[in-house]
Amino acid sequence: MNPIIIVWTKPSCQQCRMVRHRLEVAGVPFEERDLTAPENAKDLAHFMGLGYRSAPITEYGELAVPGFVPSEVDQVIAAWRVAQAVTS
């Protein structure tokens, strides 16, 4: 499983900022990736194939959450914490 949470964003995205803030407040590490960057075109196509049409997409392992729904972002945080407890 990916050891960190990935937040797929786009420029000037308010919901993206809100997801990043929630992760920062929770104290979990994450990596931000721009869905509009040319090097991420395959990832964008993958998410569009899943039916996701907007950023952010918060991803951890098999879990991918589109948009900013606090309870769903919290599920990603909880999954990360459980994985950290198992590997510790």
Protein backbone atom coordinates (compact mmCIF):
# COMPACT_ATOMS: atom_id res chain seq x y z
CA MET A 1 0.00 0.00 0.00
CA ASN A 2 1.11 3.53 -0.68
CA PRO A 3 2.68 4.78 2.57
CA ILE A 4 1.23 8.28 2.21
CA ILE A 5 -2.00 9.92 1.21
CA ILE A 6 -2.08 11.56 -2.21
CA VAL A 7 -4.24 14.60 -2.84
CA TRP A 8 -4.87 15.11 -6.54
CA THR A 9 -5.55 18.81 -7.09
CA LYS A 10 -5.91 21.49 -9.71
CA PRO A 11 -4.86 25.16 -9.55
CA SER A 12 -7.10 27.61 -7.68
CA CYS A 13 -9.26 24.86 -6.17
CA GLN A 14 -10.96 25.83 -2.90
CA GLN A 15 -12.04 22.26 -2.09
CA CYS A 16 -8.44 21.14 -2.64
CA ARG A 17 -7.27 23.68 -0.05
CA MET A 18 -9.92 22.42 2.37
CA VAL A 19 -8.76 18.80 2.01
CA ARG A 20 -5.12 19.82 2.51
CA HIS A 21 -6.07 21.80 5.62
CA ARG A 22 -8.01 18.86 7.10
CA LEU A 23 -5.02 16.54 6.54
CA GLU A 24 -2.61 19.08 8.04
CA VAL A 25 -4.80 19.54 11.13
CA ALA A 26 -4.98 15.73 11.49
CA GLY A 27 -1.17 15.61 11.33
CA VAL A 28 -0.97 13.04 8.56
CA PRO A 29 1.62 13.21 5.78
CA PHE A 30 0.40 13.66 2.25
CA GLU A 31 1.69 14.40 -1.21
CA GLU A 32 -0.03 16.85 -3.51
CA ARG A 33 -0.16 16.14 -7.24
CA ASP A 34 -1.61 18.41 -9.90
CA LEU A 35 -4.12 16.63 -12.14
CA THR A 36 -3.63 19.27 -14.82
CA ALA A 37 0.12 18.64 -15.15
CA PRO A 38 1.07 16.87 -18.39
CA GLU A 39 3.00 14.15 -16.55
CA ASN A 40 -0.23 13.17 -14.74
CA ALA A 41 -2.36 12.75 -17.87
CA LYS A 42 -2.66 8.97 -17.39
CA ASP A 43 -3.80 9.46 -13.80
CA LEU A 44 -6.40 12.01 -14.93
CA ALA A 45 -7.68 9.54 -17.54
CA HIS A 46 -7.85 6.82 -14.86
CA PHE A 47 -9.93 8.96 -12.52
CA MET A 48 -12.19 10.12 -15.35
CA GLY A 49 -12.73 6.44 -16.18
CA LEU A 50 -13.92 5.97 -12.60
CA GLY A 51 -16.45 8.75 -13.12
CA TYR A 52 -14.60 11.44 -11.15
CA ARG A 53 -15.05 14.78 -12.87
CA SER A 54 -13.55 17.27 -10.42
CA ALA A 55 -10.74 17.77 -7.97
CA PRO A 56 -9.72 17.09 -5.33
CA ILE A 57 -9.35 13.35 -5.20
CA THR A 58 -7.91 12.06 -1.95
CA GLU A 59 -6.27 8.68 -2.43
CA TYR A 60 -4.76 6.16 -0.07
CA GLY A 61 -4.16 2.61 -1.27
CA GLU A 62 -7.41 1.29 -2.73
CA LEU A 63 -9.42 4.16 -1.28
CA ALA A 64 -10.15 7.21 -3.47
CA VAL A 65 -12.50 9.96 -2.34
CA PRO A 66 -13.59 12.69 -4.80
CA GLY A 67 -14.42 16.20 -3.64
CA PHE A 68 -14.42 17.54 -0.11
CA VAL A 69 -16.75 15.55 2.11
CA PRO A 70 -15.26 15.78 5.61
CA SER A 71 -16.52 12.37 6.74
CA GLU A 72 -14.99 10.70 3.67
CA VAL A 73 -11.66 12.48 4.10
CA ASP A 74 -11.77 11.31 7.72
CA GLN A 75 -12.16 7.72 6.46
CA VAL A 76 -8.95 8.13 4.47
CA ILE A 77 -7.21 9.52 7.57
CA ALA A 78 -8.50 6.59 9.66
CA ALA A 79 -7.29 4.06 7.06
CA TRP A 80 -3.83 5.68 7.10
CA ARG A 81 -3.71 5.57 10.90
CA VAL A 82 -4.73 1.90 11.02
CA ALA A 83 -2.02 1.03 8.50
CA GLN A 84 0.56 2.95 10.53
CA ALA A 85 -0.45 1.08 13.70
CA VAL A 86 -0.13 -2.29 11.93
CA THR A 87 3.35 -1.49 10.54
CA SER A 88 4.67 -0.06 13.82
